[in-house]
Amino acid sequence: MNKLSLNKKDIKGMTKITKEEVKKVAHLARLELNENEINNHAKQLEKILDYIRQLERIDTDAVPCTTRAIEVTNVFRKDEMKNSDCNEELLELGPSREDKYFKVPKIINE
């Protein structure tokens, strides 16, 4: 699997998110943000980048790539044929029967 597209150099070189950058991205995304929202988004984005910087310090070179936090295994039983002697009981559960078969309405017109 591929690693994240961000290089370590890219993350380490990230600077603080400015209000002007938030305004530019908001403009490109066609979002109307007031001054309070701009400040709030700048702070939140800065926290996200700080978290990425913290994660980047962790050595993950020896850790294999995964798709899940918990490994998933098949919990189904093996498909084995077993003989059963409950045919009569099962036929009794049906609405109608003829000998050892379920009787159903005719659906094909000749």
C-alpha atoms as a PDB file:
ATOM      1  CA  MET A   1       0.000   0.000   0.000  1.00  0.00           C
ATOM      2  CA  ASN A   2       1.065   3.556  -0.511  1.00  0.00           C
ATOM      3  CA  LYS A   3       1.979   5.865   2.294  1.00  0.00           C
ATOM      4  CA  LEU A   4       0.343   9.249   2.684  1.00  0.00           C
ATOM      5  CA  SER A   5       1.078  11.659  -0.128  1.00  0.00           C
ATOM      6  CA  LEU A   6       2.593  14.155   2.320  1.00  0.00           C
ATOM      7  CA  ASN A   7       6.344  13.929   2.671  1.00  0.00           C
ATOM      8  CA  LYS A   8       8.044  14.463   6.026  1.00  0.00           C
ATOM      9  CA  LYS A   9       9.742  17.521   4.563  1.00  0.00           C
ATOM     10  CA  ASP A  10       6.372  18.983   3.551  1.00  0.00           C
ATOM     11  CA  ILE A  11       4.890  18.624   7.026  1.00  0.00           C
ATOM     12  CA  LYS A  12       7.948  19.927   8.854  1.00  0.00           C
ATOM     13  CA  GLY A  13       8.029  22.955   6.566  1.00  0.00           C
ATOM     14  CA  MET A  14       4.415  23.877   7.223  1.00  0.00           C
ATOM     15  CA  THR A  15       3.940  27.263   8.783  1.00  0.00           C
ATOM     16  CA  LYS A  16       1.078  28.718  10.739  1.00  0.00           C
ATOM     17  CA  ILE A  17      -2.228  29.011   8.877  1.00  0.00           C
ATOM     18  CA  THR A  18      -3.009  32.665   8.291  1.00  0.00           C
ATOM     19  CA  LYS A  19      -6.383  34.349   8.042  1.00  0.00           C
ATOM     20  CA  GLU A  20      -5.532  35.315   4.468  1.00  0.00           C
ATOM     21  CA  GLU A  21      -5.049  31.647   3.528  1.00  0.00           C
ATOM     22  CA  VAL A  22      -8.396  30.762   5.084  1.00  0.00           C
ATOM     23  CA  LYS A  23     -10.059  33.607   3.169  1.00  0.00           C
ATOM     24  CA  LYS A  24      -8.462  32.418  -0.075  1.00  0.00           C
ATOM     25  CA  VAL A  25      -9.591  28.821   0.407  1.00  0.00           C
ATOM     26  CA  ALA A  26     -13.069  29.986   1.430  1.00  0.00           C
ATOM     27  CA  HIS A  27     -13.250  32.100  -1.721  1.00  0.00           C
ATOM     28  CA  LEU A  28     -12.155  29.162  -3.912  1.00  0.00           C
ATOM     29  CA  ALA A  29     -14.740  26.939  -2.216  1.00  0.00           C
ATOM     30  CA  ARG A  30     -17.392  29.642  -2.662  1.00  0.00           C
ATOM     31  CA  LEU A  31     -17.931  29.911   1.080  1.00  0.00           C
ATOM     32  CA  GLU A  32     -18.971  33.099   2.782  1.00  0.00           C
ATOM     33  CA  LEU A  33     -17.233  33.302   6.153  1.00  0.00           C
ATOM     34  CA  ASN A  34     -17.466  36.133   8.628  1.00  0.00           C
ATOM     35  CA  GLU A  35     -14.401  37.322  10.548  1.00  0.00           C
ATOM     36  CA  ASN A  36     -15.212  35.116  13.557  1.00  0.00           C
ATOM     37  CA  GLU A  37     -15.522  32.002  11.351  1.00  0.00           C
ATOM     38  CA  ILE A  38     -12.248  32.833   9.589  1.00  0.00           C
ATOM     39  CA  ASN A  39     -10.422  33.086  12.916  1.00  0.00           C
ATOM     40  CA  ASN A  40     -12.054  29.882  14.145  1.00  0.00           C
ATOM     41  CA  HIS A  41     -11.107  27.933  10.992  1.00  0.00           C
ATOM     42  CA  ALA A  42      -7.535  29.207  11.119  1.00  0.00           C
ATOM     43  CA  LYS A  43      -7.198  27.982  14.724  1.00  0.00           C
ATOM     44  CA  GLN A  44      -8.767  24.602  13.910  1.00  0.00           C
ATOM     45  CA  LEU A  45      -6.538  24.075  10.878  1.00  0.00           C
ATOM     46  CA  GLU A  46      -3.490  24.967  12.942  1.00  0.00           C
ATOM     47  CA  LYS A  47      -4.485  22.340  15.531  1.00  0.00           C
ATOM     48  CA  ILE A  48      -4.832  19.753  12.761  1.00  0.00           C
ATOM     49  CA  LEU A  49      -1.363  20.586  11.451  1.00  0.00           C
ATOM     50  CA  ASP A  50       0.072  20.382  14.983  1.00  0.00           C
ATOM     51  CA  TYR A  51      -1.454  16.930  15.329  1.00  0.00           C
ATOM     52  CA  ILE A  52       0.067  15.867  11.994  1.00  0.00           C
ATOM     53  CA  ARG A  53       3.460  17.113  13.212  1.00  0.00           C
ATOM     54  CA  GLN A  54       3.081  14.987  16.362  1.00  0.00           C
ATOM     55  CA  LEU A  55       2.172  11.914  14.329  1.00  0.00           C
ATOM     56  CA  GLU A  56       5.090  12.513  11.998  1.00  0.00           C
ATOM     57  CA  ARG A  57       7.537  12.071  14.904  1.00  0.00           C
ATOM     58  CA  ILE A  58       6.461   8.448  15.321  1.00  0.00           C
ATOM     59  CA  ASP A  59       8.700   5.929  13.563  1.00  0.00           C
ATOM     60  CA  THR A  60       6.375   3.758  11.467  1.00  0.00           C
ATOM     61  CA  ASP A  61       8.955   2.270   9.111  1.00  0.00           C
ATOM     62  CA  ALA A  62       8.678  -1.197  10.701  1.00  0.00           C
ATOM     63  CA  VAL A  63       4.869  -1.085  10.895  1.00  0.00           C
ATOM     64  CA  PRO A  64       3.084  -2.862   8.045  1.00  0.00           C
ATOM     65  CA  CYS A  65       0.309  -1.033   6.210  1.00  0.00           C
ATOM     66  CA  THR A  66      -3.209  -2.040   7.217  1.00  0.00           C
ATOM     67  CA  THR A  67      -6.739  -1.271   6.133  1.00  0.00           C
ATOM     68  CA  ARG A  68      -8.320  -1.788   9.552  1.00  0.00           C
ATOM     69  CA  ALA A  69      -7.397  -1.212  13.165  1.00  0.00           C
ATOM     70  CA  ILE A  70      -8.582  -4.725  14.064  1.00  0.00           C
ATOM     71  CA  GLU A  71      -7.818  -7.701  11.841  1.00  0.00           C
ATOM     72  CA  VAL A  72     -10.921  -9.291  10.341  1.00  0.00           C
ATOM     73  CA  THR A  73     -11.137 -13.057  10.007  1.00  0.00           C
ATOM     74  CA  ASN A  74     -13.762 -15.315   8.507  1.00  0.00           C
ATOM     75  CA  VAL A  75     -16.015 -16.601  11.290  1.00  0.00           C
ATOM     76  CA  PHE A  76     -18.194 -18.818   9.113  1.00  0.00           C
ATOM     77  CA  ARG A  77     -18.287 -22.529   9.697  1.00  0.00           C
ATOM     78  CA  LYS A  78     -16.961 -24.965   7.130  1.00  0.00           C
ATOM     79  CA  ASP A  79     -19.588 -25.886   4.549  1.00  0.00           C
ATOM     80  CA  GLU A  80     -20.180 -29.592   5.094  1.00  0.00           C
ATOM     81  CA  MET A  81     -22.963 -31.785   3.769  1.00  0.00           C
ATOM     82  CA  LYS A  82     -24.959 -33.512   6.495  1.00  0.00           C
ATOM     83  CA  ASN A  83     -27.726 -36.065   6.205  1.00  0.00           C
ATOM     84  CA  SER A  84     -30.966 -35.096   7.855  1.00  0.00           C
ATOM     85  CA  ASP A  85     -34.056 -37.098   8.615  1.00  0.00           C
ATOM     86  CA  CYS A  86     -36.398 -34.168   9.222  1.00  0.00           C
ATOM     87  CA  ASN A  87     -37.930 -34.122   5.705  1.00  0.00           C
ATOM     88  CA  GLU A  88     -41.363 -35.030   7.003  1.00  0.00           C
ATOM     89  CA  GLU A  89     -41.297 -32.236   9.608  1.00  0.00           C
ATOM     90  CA  LEU A  90     -40.228 -29.686   6.993  1.00  0.00           C
ATOM     91  CA  LEU A  91     -42.953 -30.764   4.555  1.00  0.00           C
ATOM     92  CA  GLU A  92     -45.534 -30.291   7.313  1.00  0.00           C
ATOM     93  CA  LEU A  93     -44.439 -26.634   7.642  1.00  0.00           C
ATOM     94  CA  GLY A  94     -45.412 -25.862   4.039  1.00  0.00           C
ATOM     95  CA  PRO A  95     -48.899 -24.700   3.016  1.00  0.00           C
ATOM     96  CA  SER A  96     -49.544 -27.712   0.775  1.00  0.00           C
ATOM     97  CA  ARG A  97     -47.791 -30.927  -0.201  1.00  0.00           C
ATOM     98  CA  GLU A  98     -48.021 -33.840  -2.585  1.00  0.00           C
ATOM     99  CA  ASP A  99     -46.223 -37.008  -1.541  1.00  0.00           C
ATOM    100  CA  LYS A 100     -42.688 -35.975  -0.529  1.00  0.00           C
ATOM    101  CA  TYR A 101     -42.743 -32.544  -2.271  1.00  0.00           C
ATOM    102  CA  PHE A 102     -44.138 -29.080  -1.625  1.00  0.00           C
ATOM    103  CA  LYS A 103     -47.150 -28.370  -3.814  1.00  0.00           C
ATOM    104  CA  VAL A 104     -47.074 -24.898  -5.397  1.00  0.00           C
ATOM    105  CA  PRO A 105     -49.414 -23.102  -7.798  1.00  0.00           C
ATOM    106  CA  LYS A 106     -48.745 -23.472 -11.502  1.00  0.00           C
ATOM    107  CA  ILE A 107     -46.901 -20.386 -12.818  1.00  0.00           C
ATOM    108  CA  ILE A 108     -46.182 -21.351 -16.435  1.00  0.00           C
ATOM    109  CA  ASN A 109     -48.987 -21.077 -18.960  1.00  0.00           C
ATOM    110  CA  GLU A 110     -48.807 -23.392 -21.923  1.00  0.00           C
END
